[in-house]
Amino acid sequence: MNLILIRREFLIAFRNRHEALNPLLFFVLVCLLFPLAVGPSSKLLSEISAGIIWTAILLATLMSLTNIFRSEYEDGTLELMVLANHSLIVLVIIKLLAHWTINILPLIVLSPIIASALGMTFIVEGTLLLTLLLGTPTLILIGAIVATLTLVIPQNGMLLALLVLPLYVPVLIFGTSAVDATASGLSAAGPIYLMAAILALSLTLSPLAIVSALKTGVSQ
């Protein structure tokens, strides 16, 4: 049953390829525009490269959040999912995992190329990848709660951004701090451990909150 659900998510993503490409194109464009805005100084670009990449991925993640559960809510599939005998929390985890894999994982794979273009060293790129692997699932888990709570509101993009962005600030700060620490020759263990703790807490609590929000939204 779970494999069928995973296959369904990837089939939907393939049929709506433009929605999956939007975050990727946005990420690339933002990273390309920063050098044009701040100038060609390689030293400056190297110093702010972590902030550029993390900010671009954060905004791309925010862009993709409006697609979570939206199509299922509009065509009535979400109501059937809530009423089905299958565990709703498993459905939510599969949905979020597929969303991260389709929309965010390509950005992480592309980030070392962008980082190299911005002057980031290979060792620092390793820390960047680690922080992205720890931080982006947290962004999805936190954002999905708010996206589900605002699901009943048409055109909820602006409200979603206003509610989610303050919650993303700690992940952004710890992610960039870890990369900057590595670039300065310091230990990045502290911020990385904090990001891992936030991810563990999000994995524990977010699916339960999303399930509760889904049941509330469907009942309205």
Protein backbone atom coordinates (compact mmCIF):
# COMPACT_ATOMS: atom_id res chain seq x y z
CA MET A 1 0.00 0.00 0.00
CA ASN A 2 2.79 2.43 0.92
CA LEU A 3 4.63 1.74 -2.35
CA ILE A 4 1.43 2.47 -4.25
CA LEU A 5 1.10 5.80 -2.46
CA ILE A 6 4.73 6.71 -3.19
CA ARG A 7 4.28 5.78 -6.85
CA ARG A 8 1.13 7.92 -6.96
CA GLU A 9 3.01 10.97 -5.65
CA PHE A 10 5.72 10.65 -8.28
CA LEU A 11 3.16 10.15 -11.06
CA ILE A 12 1.35 13.32 -9.98
CA ALA A 13 4.66 15.21 -9.91
CA PHE A 14 5.53 13.95 -13.40
CA ARG A 15 2.19 15.10 -14.76
CA ASN A 16 2.70 18.51 -13.16
CA ARG A 17 6.37 18.91 -14.02
CA HIS A 18 6.14 22.69 -14.23
CA GLU A 19 5.23 22.92 -10.54
CA ALA A 20 8.32 20.92 -9.56
CA LEU A 21 10.53 23.01 -11.87
CA ASN A 22 9.40 26.35 -10.44
CA PRO A 23 11.40 26.08 -7.16
CA LEU A 24 14.47 24.89 -9.08
CA LEU A 25 14.34 27.77 -11.56
CA PHE A 26 13.69 30.24 -8.75
CA PHE A 27 16.69 28.94 -6.80
CA VAL A 28 19.02 29.24 -9.78
CA LEU A 29 17.79 32.72 -10.71
CA VAL A 30 18.18 34.08 -7.19
CA CYS A 31 21.72 32.71 -6.90
CA LEU A 32 22.62 34.19 -10.30
CA LEU A 33 21.18 37.61 -9.48
CA PHE A 34 23.10 38.06 -6.21
CA PRO A 35 26.53 38.46 -7.93
CA LEU A 36 25.00 41.05 -10.26
CA ALA A 37 23.64 42.98 -7.28
CA VAL A 38 26.68 42.91 -4.95
CA GLY A 39 29.41 43.11 -7.57
CA PRO A 40 32.07 40.77 -8.98
CA SER A 41 34.30 40.67 -5.90
CA SER A 42 35.19 37.00 -5.40
CA LYS A 43 36.12 37.55 -1.75
CA LEU A 44 32.75 39.14 -0.94
CA LEU A 45 30.82 36.45 -2.82
CA SER A 46 32.74 33.74 -0.98
CA GLU A 47 31.91 35.32 2.37
CA ILE A 48 28.17 35.60 1.69
CA SER A 49 27.75 32.45 -0.42
CA ALA A 50 26.25 30.46 2.45
CA GLY A 51 23.66 33.17 3.08
CA ILE A 52 22.85 33.39 -0.62
CA ILE A 53 22.28 29.65 -1.02
CA TRP A 54 20.37 29.22 2.22
CA THR A 55 18.13 32.21 1.53
CA ALA A 56 17.40 31.02 -2.00
CA ILE A 57 16.54 27.50 -0.85
CA LEU A 58 14.39 28.83 1.99
CA LEU A 59 12.37 30.99 -0.41
CA ALA A 60 12.12 28.15 -2.95
CA THR A 61 10.83 25.88 -0.20
CA LEU A 62 8.28 28.49 0.77
CA MET A 63 7.15 28.70 -2.86
CA SER A 64 6.56 24.95 -3.00
CA LEU A 65 4.52 24.78 0.21
CA THR A 66 1.30 25.96 -1.44
CA ASN A 67 1.22 22.73 -3.46
CA ILE A 68 1.12 20.45 -0.41
CA PHE A 69 -2.37 18.92 -0.10
CA ARG A 70 -3.84 21.67 -2.33
CA SER A 71 -4.79 19.45 -5.28
CA GLU A 72 -6.09 16.72 -2.94
CA TYR A 73 -8.21 19.27 -1.09
CA GLU A 74 -9.69 20.73 -4.25
CA ASP A 75 -10.63 17.42 -5.91
CA GLY A 76 -11.96 15.77 -2.74
CA THR A 77 -9.19 13.18 -2.43
CA LEU A 78 -8.12 14.63 0.91
CA GLU A 79 -11.52 13.90 2.44
CA LEU A 80 -11.28 10.28 1.29
CA MET A 81 -7.77 10.06 2.77
CA VAL A 82 -9.05 11.28 6.14
CA LEU A 83 -12.00 8.87 6.12
CA ALA A 84 -9.98 5.87 4.89
CA ASN A 85 -8.97 3.03 7.20
CA HIS A 86 -5.31 3.49 6.29
CA SER A 87 -3.24 5.37 8.87
CA LEU A 88 -3.43 9.07 8.07
CA ILE A 89 -0.08 9.77 9.70
CA VAL A 90 1.59 7.33 7.29
CA LEU A 91 -0.07 9.10 4.37
CA VAL A 92 1.20 12.45 5.65
CA ILE A 93 4.78 11.17 6.07
CA ILE A 94 4.77 9.70 2.56
CA LYS A 95 3.36 12.92 1.14
CA LEU A 96 6.01 15.06 2.85
CA LEU A 97 8.84 12.71 1.92
CA ALA A 98 7.77 12.73 -1.73
CA HIS A 99 7.42 16.52 -1.67
CA TRP A 100 10.93 16.94 -0.25
CA THR A 101 12.41 14.48 -2.75
CA ILE A 102 10.72 16.05 -5.77
CA ASN A 103 10.95 19.74 -4.93
CA ILE A 104 13.91 20.21 -2.57
CA LEU A 105 16.41 17.40 -3.19
CA PRO A 106 17.26 18.72 -6.71
CA LEU A 107 18.13 22.08 -5.12
CA ILE A 108 20.48 20.38 -2.66
CA VAL A 109 22.14 18.41 -5.47
CA LEU A 110 22.63 21.63 -7.44
CA SER A 111 23.88 23.68 -4.47
CA PRO A 112 27.56 22.53 -4.62
CA ILE A 113 27.76 23.74 -8.21
CA ILE A 114 26.35 27.12 -7.23
CA ALA A 115 28.63 27.21 -4.18
CA SER A 116 31.71 26.54 -6.29
CA ALA A 117 30.71 29.30 -8.68
CA LEU A 118 30.45 31.66 -5.71
CA GLY A 119 33.95 30.76 -4.49
CA MET A 120 33.14 28.30 -1.69
CA THR A 121 35.84 25.73 -0.92
CA PHE A 122 35.27 21.97 -1.06
CA ILE A 123 35.43 21.49 2.73
CA VAL A 124 32.92 24.27 3.32
CA GLU A 125 30.65 22.76 0.67
CA GLY A 126 30.53 19.56 2.73
CA THR A 127 29.23 21.48 5.73
CA LEU A 128 26.75 23.29 3.50
CA LEU A 129 25.37 19.99 2.20
CA LEU A 130 25.07 18.61 5.73
CA THR A 131 23.17 21.66 6.96
CA LEU A 132 20.85 21.53 3.95
CA LEU A 133 20.14 17.83 4.53
CA LEU A 134 19.30 18.59 8.16
CA GLY A 135 17.54 21.91 7.62
CA THR A 136 15.36 21.48 4.54
CA PRO A 137 13.27 18.60 5.97
CA THR A 138 12.65 20.80 8.99
CA LEU A 139 11.48 23.61 6.71
CA ILE A 140 9.06 21.23 4.99
CA LEU A 141 7.75 19.80 8.27
CA ILE A 142 7.18 23.21 9.85
CA GLY A 143 5.81 24.78 6.69
CA ALA A 144 3.41 21.89 6.08
CA ILE A 145 1.71 22.57 9.42
CA VAL A 146 0.95 26.16 8.47
CA ALA A 147 0.07 25.18 4.89
CA THR A 148 -2.46 22.68 6.23
CA LEU A 149 -3.96 25.16 8.69
CA THR A 150 -4.47 27.70 5.88
CA LEU A 151 -5.63 25.12 3.35
CA VAL A 152 -9.25 26.26 3.49
CA ILE A 153 -8.26 29.83 2.60
CA PRO A 154 -8.18 30.50 -1.17
CA GLN A 155 -4.99 32.17 -2.46
CA ASN A 156 -3.24 31.67 0.87
CA GLY A 157 0.29 32.32 -0.42
CA MET A 158 0.82 35.69 1.30
CA LEU A 159 -0.66 34.57 4.61
CA LEU A 160 1.42 31.40 4.46
CA ALA A 161 4.61 33.41 3.95
CA LEU A 162 3.84 35.77 6.82
CA LEU A 163 3.20 32.90 9.23
CA VAL A 164 6.03 30.61 8.16
CA LEU A 165 8.99 32.97 7.68
CA PRO A 166 9.44 33.79 11.41
CA LEU A 167 9.50 30.05 12.16
CA TYR A 168 12.22 29.53 9.55
CA VAL A 169 14.62 32.07 11.06
CA PRO A 170 16.33 29.69 13.57
CA VAL A 171 17.03 27.10 10.85
CA LEU A 172 18.44 29.82 8.59
CA ILE A 173 20.67 31.21 11.36
CA PHE A 174 22.04 27.82 12.43
CA GLY A 175 22.57 26.70 8.84
CA THR A 176 24.58 29.75 7.83
CA SER A 177 26.42 29.83 11.17
CA ALA A 178 27.68 26.28 10.67
CA VAL A 179 28.97 27.06 7.18
CA ASP A 180 30.58 30.32 8.30
CA ALA A 181 32.26 28.52 11.21
CA THR A 182 33.79 25.95 8.86
CA ALA A 183 34.94 28.71 6.50
CA SER A 184 36.65 30.42 9.46
CA GLY A 185 38.40 27.24 10.57
CA LEU A 186 36.18 26.78 13.64
CA SER A 187 34.06 23.85 14.74
CA ALA A 188 30.55 23.74 13.28
CA ALA A 189 29.38 21.05 15.72
CA GLY A 190 27.22 23.37 17.83
CA PRO A 191 24.91 24.68 15.09
CA ILE A 192 24.77 21.24 13.45
CA TYR A 193 23.71 19.55 16.70
CA LEU A 194 21.03 22.20 17.19
CA MET A 195 19.74 21.65 13.65
CA ALA A 196 19.65 17.89 14.27
CA ALA A 197 17.70 18.46 17.49
CA ILE A 198 15.19 20.71 15.73
CA LEU A 199 14.78 18.11 12.97
CA ALA A 200 14.18 15.33 15.52
CA LEU A 201 11.59 17.46 17.32
CA SER A 202 9.91 18.36 14.02
CA LEU A 203 9.81 14.71 12.92
CA THR A 204 8.15 13.80 16.20
CA LEU A 205 5.54 16.54 16.47
CA SER A 206 4.84 17.88 12.97
CA PRO A 207 3.08 14.80 11.49
CA LEU A 208 0.71 14.71 14.48
CA ALA A 209 -0.05 18.42 14.11
CA ILE A 210 -0.61 18.05 10.35
CA VAL A 211 -3.00 15.12 10.85
CA SER A 212 -4.99 17.12 13.39
CA ALA A 213 -5.09 20.14 11.05
CA LEU A 214 -6.21 17.97 8.14
CA LYS A 215 -9.08 16.49 10.12
CA THR A 216 -10.14 19.95 11.22
CA GLY A 217 -9.93 21.35 7.68
CA VAL A 218 -11.92 18.52 6.13
CA SER A 219 -14.64 18.77 8.75
CA GLN A 220 -15.28 22.45 7.95
